[in-house]
Amino acid sequence: MAISEGIRMKNQYNHVHRQGQLYRFSLGNQEYVAFIWRTGTQFRGRLEGYPAIPEHTAHTALGVRDALQQVVTMAQAKD
């Protein structure tokens, strides 16, 4: 049992490192940074510093960026 517990502890500290690109855009006077990476034939991305906004997926990196911009625009319209 001690060996399996050691393996489980080791796996808790593994980190995922993604290679991607940062896409900067501004809405109004606020600047946003989207981190977008490729997964197979699709792209995924998220906004840096906004964990409440979920990741988005699209066939192109610009599609992901546009989807994230729409989410931010809708959130601003609610405020």
PDB file of N, CA and C in Angstrom:
ATOM      1  N   MET A   1       0.811  -1.196   0.000  1.00  0.00           N
ATOM      2  CA  MET A   1       0.000   0.000   0.000  1.00  0.00           C
ATOM      3  C   MET A   1       0.851   1.255   0.000  1.00  0.00           C
ATOM      4  N   ALA A   2       1.975   1.227   0.636  1.00  0.00           N
ATOM      5  CA  ALA A   2       2.810   2.421   0.707  1.00  0.00           C
ATOM      6  C   ALA A   2       3.277   2.837  -0.681  1.00  0.00           C
ATOM      7  N   ILE A   3       3.537   1.878  -1.564  1.00  0.00           N
ATOM      8  CA  ILE A   3       3.992   2.218  -2.911  1.00  0.00           C
ATOM      9  C   ILE A   3       2.889   2.929  -3.682  1.00  0.00           C
ATOM     10  N   SER A   4       1.660   2.428  -3.622  1.00  0.00           N
ATOM     11  CA  SER A   4       0.577   3.072  -4.368  1.00  0.00           C
ATOM     12  C   SER A   4       0.291   4.469  -3.826  1.00  0.00           C
ATOM     13  N   GLU A   5       0.435   4.666  -2.522  1.00  0.00           N
ATOM     14  CA  GLU A   5       0.241   5.993  -1.954  1.00  0.00           C
ATOM     15  C   GLU A   5       1.319   6.947  -2.452  1.00  0.00           C
ATOM     16  N   GLY A   6       2.532   6.452  -2.590  1.00  0.00           N
ATOM     17  CA  GLY A   6       3.615   7.278  -3.109  1.00  0.00           C
ATOM     18  C   GLY A   6       3.367   7.686  -4.554  1.00  0.00           C
ATOM     19  N   ILE A   7       2.855   6.776  -5.352  1.00  0.00           N
ATOM     20  CA  ILE A   7       2.552   7.083  -6.748  1.00  0.00           C
ATOM     21  C   ILE A   7       1.437   8.119  -6.816  1.00  0.00           C
ATOM     22  N   ARG A   8       0.422   7.973  -6.006  1.00  0.00           N
ATOM     23  CA  ARG A   8      -0.690   8.918  -6.015  1.00  0.00           C
ATOM     24  C   ARG A   8      -0.203  10.314  -5.634  1.00  0.00           C
ATOM     25  N   MET A   9       0.671  10.408  -4.657  1.00  0.00           N
ATOM     26  CA  MET A   9       1.197  11.706  -4.242  1.00  0.00           C
ATOM     27  C   MET A   9       2.007  12.333  -5.384  1.00  0.00           C
ATOM     28  N   LYS A  10       2.767  11.526  -6.082  1.00  0.00           N
ATOM     29  CA  LYS A  10       3.578  12.047  -7.177  1.00  0.00           C
ATOM     30  C   LYS A  10       2.678  12.612  -8.273  1.00  0.00           C
ATOM     31  N   ASN A  11       1.598  11.946  -8.603  1.00  0.00           N
ATOM     32  CA  ASN A  11       0.713  12.399  -9.667  1.00  0.00           C
ATOM     33  C   ASN A  11      -0.004  13.695  -9.303  1.00  0.00           C
ATOM     34  N   GLN A  12      -0.168  13.988  -8.043  1.00  0.00           N
ATOM     35  CA  GLN A  12      -0.828  15.219  -7.644  1.00  0.00           C
ATOM     36  C   GLN A  12      -0.013  16.446  -8.036  1.00  0.00           C
ATOM     37  N   TYR A  13       1.273  16.292  -8.205  1.00  0.00           N
ATOM     38  CA  TYR A  13       2.126  17.438  -8.479  1.00  0.00           C
ATOM     39  C   TYR A  13       2.465  17.590  -9.953  1.00  0.00           C
ATOM     40  N   ASN A  14       1.925  16.745 -10.822  1.00  0.00           N
ATOM     41  CA  ASN A  14       2.159  16.906 -12.253  1.00  0.00           C
ATOM     42  C   ASN A  14       1.417  18.142 -12.747  1.00  0.00           C
ATOM     43  N   HIS A  15       2.027  18.850 -13.653  1.00  0.00           N
ATOM     44  CA  HIS A  15       1.429  20.057 -14.205  1.00  0.00           C
ATOM     45  C   HIS A  15       1.299  19.901 -15.713  1.00  0.00           C
ATOM     46  N   VAL A  16       0.308  20.543 -16.278  1.00  0.00           N
ATOM     47  CA  VAL A  16       0.129  20.543 -17.722  1.00  0.00           C
ATOM     48  C   VAL A  16       0.738  21.821 -18.267  1.00  0.00           C
ATOM     49  N   HIS A  17       1.642  21.669 -19.204  1.00  0.00           N
ATOM     50  CA  HIS A  17       2.258  22.816 -19.854  1.00  0.00           C
ATOM     51  C   HIS A  17       1.769  22.841 -21.289  1.00  0.00           C
ATOM     52  N   ARG A  18       1.159  23.937 -21.684  1.00  0.00           N
ATOM     53  CA  ARG A  18       0.636  24.060 -23.034  1.00  0.00           C
ATOM     54  C   ARG A  18       1.454  25.069 -23.811  1.00  0.00           C
ATOM     55  N   GLN A  19       1.682  24.745 -25.070  1.00  0.00           N
ATOM     56  CA  GLN A  19       2.303  25.710 -25.957  1.00  0.00           C
ATOM     57  C   GLN A  19       1.198  26.378 -26.741  1.00  0.00           C
ATOM     58  N   GLY A  20       1.178  27.679 -26.739  1.00  0.00           N
ATOM     59  CA  GLY A  20       0.147  28.412 -27.443  1.00  0.00           C
ATOM     60  C   GLY A  20       0.604  29.830 -27.691  1.00  0.00           C
ATOM     61  N   GLN A  21      -0.354  30.665 -28.049  1.00  0.00           N
ATOM     62  CA  GLN A  21      -0.050  32.057 -28.332  1.00  0.00           C
ATOM     63  C   GLN A  21      -0.977  32.962 -27.547  1.00  0.00           C
ATOM     64  N   LEU A  22      -0.471  34.147 -27.263  1.00  0.00           N
ATOM     65  CA  LEU A  22      -1.281  35.163 -26.600  1.00  0.00           C
ATOM     66  C   LEU A  22      -1.865  36.085 -27.662  1.00  0.00           C
ATOM     67  N   TYR A  23      -3.143  36.324 -27.575  1.00  0.00           N
ATOM     68  CA  TYR A  23      -3.842  37.246 -28.467  1.00  0.00           C
ATOM     69  C   TYR A  23      -4.381  38.381 -27.614  1.00  0.00           C
ATOM     70  N   ARG A  24      -3.934  39.584 -27.882  1.00  0.00           N
ATOM     71  CA  ARG A  24      -4.368  40.753 -27.115  1.00  0.00           C
ATOM     72  C   ARG A  24      -5.457  41.482 -27.898  1.00  0.00           C
ATOM     73  N   PHE A  25      -6.469  41.910 -27.164  1.00  0.00           N
ATOM     74  CA  PHE A  25      -7.510  42.733 -27.783  1.00  0.00           C
ATOM     75  C   PHE A  25      -8.072  43.673 -26.740  1.00  0.00           C
ATOM     76  N   SER A  26      -8.660  44.773 -27.193  1.00  0.00           N
ATOM     77  CA  SER A  26      -9.254  45.734 -26.278  1.00  0.00           C
ATOM     78  C   SER A  26     -10.715  45.947 -26.635  1.00  0.00           C
ATOM     79  N   LEU A  27     -11.483  46.142 -25.593  1.00  0.00           N
ATOM     80  CA  LEU A  27     -12.887  46.508 -25.723  1.00  0.00           C
ATOM     81  C   LEU A  27     -13.081  47.729 -24.840  1.00  0.00           C
ATOM     82  N   GLY A  28     -13.447  48.823 -25.475  1.00  0.00           N
ATOM     83  CA  GLY A  28     -13.508  50.075 -24.724  1.00  0.00           C
ATOM     84  C   GLY A  28     -12.103  50.478 -24.339  1.00  0.00           C
ATOM     85  N   ASN A  29     -11.886  50.758 -23.082  1.00  0.00           N
ATOM     86  CA  ASN A  29     -10.532  51.100 -22.618  1.00  0.00           C
ATOM     87  C   ASN A  29      -9.918  49.964 -21.800  1.00  0.00           C
ATOM     88  N   GLN A  30     -10.497  48.787 -21.862  1.00  0.00           N
ATOM     89  CA  GLN A  30     -10.000  47.620 -21.129  1.00  0.00           C
ATOM     90  C   GLN A  30      -9.256  46.679 -22.090  1.00  0.00           C
ATOM     91  N   GLU A  31      -8.069  46.250 -21.707  1.00  0.00           N
ATOM     92  CA  GLU A  31      -7.291  45.321 -22.529  1.00  0.00           C
ATOM     93  C   GLU A  31      -7.425  43.910 -21.973  1.00  0.00           C
ATOM     94  N   TYR A  32      -7.553  42.937 -22.866  1.00  0.00           N
ATOM     95  CA  TYR A  32      -7.694  41.532 -22.504  1.00  0.00           C
ATOM     96  C   TYR A  32      -6.617  40.727 -23.215  1.00  0.00           C
ATOM     97  N   VAL A  33      -6.245  39.597 -22.596  1.00  0.00           N
ATOM     98  CA  VAL A  33      -5.257  38.699 -23.189  1.00  0.00           C
ATOM     99  C   VAL A  33      -5.873  37.302 -23.220  1.00  0.00           C
ATOM    100  N   ALA A  34      -5.960  36.750 -24.428  1.00  0.00           N
ATOM    101  CA  ALA A  34      -6.466  35.387 -24.599  1.00  0.00           C
ATOM    102  C   ALA A  34      -5.281  34.465 -24.850  1.00  0.00           C
ATOM    103  N   PHE A  35      -5.230  33.347 -24.150  1.00  0.00           N
ATOM    104  CA  PHE A  35      -4.217  32.322 -24.387  1.00  0.00           C
ATOM    105  C   PHE A  35      -4.892  31.221 -25.191  1.00  0.00           C
ATOM    106  N   ILE A  36      -4.383  30.958 -26.398  1.00  0.00           N
ATOM    107  CA  ILE A  36      -5.019  30.004 -27.307  1.00  0.00           C
ATOM    108  C   ILE A  36      -4.002  28.944 -27.716  1.00  0.00           C
ATOM    109  N   TRP A  37      -4.414  27.684 -27.662  1.00  0.00           N
ATOM    110  CA  TRP A  37      -3.546  26.567 -28.019  1.00  0.00           C
ATOM    111  C   TRP A  37      -4.299  25.607 -28.922  1.00  0.00           C
ATOM    112  N   ARG A  38      -3.532  24.763 -29.601  1.00  0.00           N
ATOM    113  CA  ARG A  38      -4.103  23.807 -30.549  1.00  0.00           C
ATOM    114  C   ARG A  38      -4.217  22.439 -29.894  1.00  0.00           C
ATOM    115  N   THR A  39      -5.369  21.792 -30.115  1.00  0.00           N
ATOM    116  CA  THR A  39      -5.579  20.424 -29.649  1.00  0.00           C
ATOM    117  C   THR A  39      -6.058  19.605 -30.838  1.00  0.00           C
ATOM    118  N   GLY A  40      -5.153  18.895 -31.469  1.00  0.00           N
ATOM    119  CA  GLY A  40      -5.527  18.116 -32.650  1.00  0.00           C
ATOM    120  C   GLY A  40      -5.874  19.041 -33.804  1.00  0.00           C
ATOM    121  N   THR A  41      -7.132  18.968 -34.258  1.00  0.00           N
ATOM    122  CA  THR A  41      -7.557  19.800 -35.384  1.00  0.00           C
ATOM    123  C   THR A  41      -8.308  21.045 -34.935  1.00  0.00           C
ATOM    124  N   GLN A  42      -8.472  21.230 -33.642  1.00  0.00           N
ATOM    125  CA  GLN A  42      -9.207  22.380 -33.135  1.00  0.00           C
ATOM    126  C   GLN A  42      -8.317  23.241 -32.246  1.00  0.00           C
ATOM    127  N   PHE A  43      -8.835  24.405 -31.924  1.00  0.00           N
ATOM    128  CA  PHE A  43      -8.139  25.334 -31.039  1.00  0.00           C
ATOM    129  C   PHE A  43      -8.996  25.572 -29.805  1.00  0.00           C
ATOM    130  N   ARG A  44      -8.323  25.745 -28.674  1.00  0.00           N
ATOM    131  CA  ARG A  44      -8.996  26.060 -27.412  1.00  0.00           C
ATOM    132  C   ARG A  44      -8.340  27.299 -26.842  1.00  0.00           C
ATOM    133  N   GLY A  45      -9.106  28.036 -26.047  1.00  0.00           N
ATOM    134  CA  GLY A  45      -8.528  29.234 -25.457  1.00  0.00           C
ATOM    135  C   GLY A  45      -9.305  29.718 -24.254  1.00  0.00           C
ATOM    136  N   ARG A  46      -8.627  30.563 -23.486  1.00  0.00           N
ATOM    137  CA  ARG A  46      -9.235  31.150 -22.293  1.00  0.00           C
ATOM    138  C   ARG A  46      -8.667  32.550 -22.116  1.00  0.00           C
ATOM    139  N   LEU A  47      -9.365  33.326 -21.303  1.00  0.00           N
ATOM    140  CA  LEU A  47      -8.897  34.679 -21.008  1.00  0.00           C
ATOM    141  C   LEU A  47      -8.015  34.643 -19.767  1.00  0.00           C
ATOM    142  N   GLU A  48      -6.859  35.253 -19.877  1.00  0.00           N
ATOM    143  CA  GLU A  48      -5.948  35.333 -18.745  1.00  0.00           C
ATOM    144  C   GLU A  48      -6.556  36.240 -17.681  1.00  0.00           C
ATOM    145  N   GLY A  49      -6.562  35.772 -16.434  1.00  0.00           N
ATOM    146  CA  GLY A  49      -7.031  36.587 -15.334  1.00  0.00           C
ATOM    147  C   GLY A  49      -8.539  36.577 -15.130  1.00  0.00           C
ATOM    148  N   TYR A  50      -9.257  35.784 -15.906  1.00  0.00           N
ATOM    149  CA  TYR A  50     -10.713  35.702 -15.779  1.00  0.00           C
ATOM    150  C   TYR A  50     -11.133  34.234 -15.685  1.00  0.00           C
ATOM    151  N   PRO A  51     -10.918  33.603 -14.540  1.00  0.00           N
ATOM    152  CA  PRO A  51     -11.222  32.171 -14.410  1.00  0.00           C
ATOM    153  C   PRO A  51     -12.719  31.854 -14.504  1.00  0.00           C
ATOM    154  N   ALA A  52     -13.593  32.846 -14.299  1.00  0.00           N
ATOM    155  CA  ALA A  52     -15.034  32.602 -14.373  1.00  0.00           C
ATOM    156  C   ALA A  52     -15.507  32.417 -15.816  1.00  0.00           C
ATOM    157  N   ILE A  53     -14.736  32.901 -16.777  1.00  0.00           N
ATOM    158  CA  ILE A  53     -15.095  32.729 -18.191  1.00  0.00           C
ATOM    159  C   ILE A  53     -14.550  31.386 -18.650  1.00  0.00           C
ATOM    160  N   PRO A  54     -15.426  30.486 -19.117  1.00  0.00           N
ATOM    161  CA  PRO A  54     -14.971  29.139 -19.489  1.00  0.00           C
ATOM    162  C   PRO A  54     -14.131  29.139 -20.767  1.00  0.00           C
ATOM    163  N   GLU A  55     -13.373  28.054 -20.946  1.00  0.00           N
ATOM    164  CA  GLU A  55     -12.601  27.873 -22.174  1.00  0.00           C
ATOM    165  C   GLU A  55     -13.561  27.740 -23.350  1.00  0.00           C
ATOM    166  N   HIS A  56     -13.088  28.171 -24.516  1.00  0.00           N
ATOM    167  CA  HIS A  56     -13.877  28.054 -25.731  1.00  0.00           C
ATOM    168  C   HIS A  56     -13.096  27.250 -26.765  1.00  0.00           C
ATOM    169  N   THR A  57     -13.817  26.599 -27.659  1.00  0.00           N
ATOM    170  CA  THR A  57     -13.232  25.767 -28.708  1.00  0.00           C
ATOM    171  C   THR A  57     -13.768  26.215 -30.057  1.00  0.00           C
ATOM    172  N   ALA A  58     -12.897  26.219 -31.071  1.00  0.00           N
ATOM    173  CA  ALA A  58     -13.311  26.547 -32.437  1.00  0.00           C
ATOM    174  C   ALA A  58     -12.324  25.894 -33.412  1.00  0.00           C
ATOM    175  N   HIS A  59     -12.634  25.983 -34.685  1.00  0.00           N
ATOM    176  CA  HIS A  59     -11.767  25.383 -35.708  1.00  0.00           C
ATOM    177  C   HIS A  59     -10.543  26.236 -36.014  1.00  0.00           C
ATOM    178  N   THR A  60     -10.588  27.519 -35.634  1.00  0.00           N
ATOM    179  CA  THR A  60      -9.439  28.405 -35.849  1.00  0.00           C
ATOM    180  C   THR A  60      -9.148  29.172 -34.566  1.00  0.00           C
ATOM    181  N   ALA A  61      -7.920  29.657 -34.473  1.00  0.00           N
ATOM    182  CA  ALA A  61      -7.539  30.458 -33.307  1.00  0.00           C
ATOM    183  C   ALA A  61      -8.331  31.760 -33.284  1.00  0.00           C
ATOM    184  N   LEU A  62      -8.558  32.346 -34.452  1.00  0.00           N
ATOM    185  CA  LEU A  62      -9.332  33.590 -34.498  1.00  0.00           C
ATOM    186  C   LEU A  62     -10.783  33.349 -34.116  1.00  0.00           C
ATOM    187  N   GLY A  63     -11.307  32.162 -34.411  1.00  0.00           N
ATOM    188  CA  GLY A  63     -12.662  31.822 -33.987  1.00  0.00           C
ATOM    189  C   GLY A  63     -12.770  31.771 -32.472  1.00  0.00           C
ATOM    190  N   VAL A  64     -11.754  31.234 -31.822  1.00  0.00           N
ATOM    191  CA  VAL A  64     -11.726  31.197 -30.353  1.00  0.00           C
ATOM    192  C   VAL A  64     -11.643  32.619 -29.810  1.00  0.00           C
ATOM    193  N   ARG A  65     -10.757  33.420 -30.388  1.00  0.00           N
ATOM    194  CA  ARG A  65     -10.625  34.812 -29.934  1.00  0.00           C
ATOM    195  C   ARG A  65     -11.948  35.562 -30.079  1.00  0.00           C
ATOM    196  N   ASP A  66     -12.614  35.386 -31.213  1.00  0.00           N
ATOM    197  CA  ASP A  66     -13.890  36.064 -31.441  1.00  0.00           C
ATOM    198  C   ASP A  66     -14.955  35.605 -30.449  1.00  0.00           C
ATOM    199  N   ALA A  67     -14.974  34.306 -30.136  1.00  0.00           N
ATOM    200  CA  ALA A  67     -15.947  33.787 -29.163  1.00  0.00           C
ATOM    201  C   ALA A  67     -15.685  34.380 -27.780  1.00  0.00           C
ATOM    202  N   LEU A  68     -14.421  34.489 -27.402  1.00  0.00           N
ATOM    203  CA  LEU A  68     -14.088  35.089 -26.102  1.00  0.00           C
ATOM    204  C   LEU A  68     -14.457  36.566 -26.075  1.00  0.00           C
ATOM    205  N   GLN A  69     -14.256  37.267 -27.189  1.00  0.00           N
ATOM    206  CA  GLN A  69     -14.651  38.672 -27.260  1.00  0.00           C
ATOM    207  C   GLN A  69     -16.162  38.821 -27.089  1.00  0.00           C
ATOM    208  N   GLN A  70     -16.923  37.921 -27.687  1.00  0.00           N
ATOM    209  CA  GLN A  70     -18.380  37.980 -27.559  1.00  0.00           C
ATOM    210  C   GLN A  70     -18.810  37.795 -26.112  1.00  0.00           C
ATOM    211  N   VAL A  71     -18.170  36.864 -25.409  1.00  0.00           N
ATOM    212  CA  VAL A  71     -18.510  36.623 -24.003  1.00  0.00           C
ATOM    213  C   VAL A  71     -18.234  37.870 -23.175  1.00  0.00           C
ATOM    214  N   VAL A  72     -17.102  38.506 -23.409  1.00  0.00           N
ATOM    215  CA  VAL A  72     -16.749  39.709 -22.671  1.00  0.00           C
ATOM    216  C   VAL A  72     -17.732  40.826 -22.999  1.00  0.00           C
ATOM    217  N   THR A  73     -18.097  40.971 -24.268  1.00  0.00           N
ATOM    218  CA  THR A  73     -19.041  42.013 -24.683  1.00  0.00           C
ATOM    219  C   THR A  73     -20.388  41.800 -24.016  1.00  0.00           C
ATOM    220  N   MET A  74     -20.863  40.546 -23.964  1.00  0.00           N
ATOM    221  CA  MET A  74     -22.136  40.254 -23.319  1.00  0.00           C
ATOM    222  C   MET A  74     -22.065  40.529 -21.823  1.00  0.00           C
ATOM    223  N   ALA A  75     -20.931  40.208 -21.201  1.00  0.00           N
ATOM    224  CA  ALA A  75     -20.765  40.457 -19.770  1.00  0.00           C
ATOM    225  C   ALA A  75     -20.759  41.960 -19.486  1.00  0.00           C
ATOM    226  N   GLN A  76     -20.139  42.742 -20.362  1.00  0.00           N
ATOM    227  CA  GLN A  76     -20.119  44.193 -20.188  1.00  0.00           C
ATOM    228  C   GLN A  76     -21.509  44.783 -20.369  1.00  0.00           C
ATOM    229  N   ALA A  77     -22.285  44.216 -21.284  1.00  0.00           N
ATOM    230  CA  ALA A  77     -23.638  44.720 -21.536  1.00  0.00           C
ATOM    231  C   ALA A  77     -24.549  44.485 -20.328  1.00  0.00           C
ATOM    232  N   LYS A  78     -24.292  43.413 -19.581  1.00  0.00           N
ATOM    233  CA  LYS A  78     -25.089  43.114 -18.380  1.00  0.00           C
ATOM    234  C   LYS A  78     -24.809  44.104 -17.263  1.00  0.00           C
ATOM    235  N   ASP A  79     -23.559  44.623 -17.229  1.00  0.00           N
ATOM    236  CA  ASP A  79     -23.180  45.549 -16.142  1.00  0.00           C
ATOM    237  C   ASP A  79     -23.760  46.881 -16.336  1.00  0.00           C
TER     238      ASP A  79
END
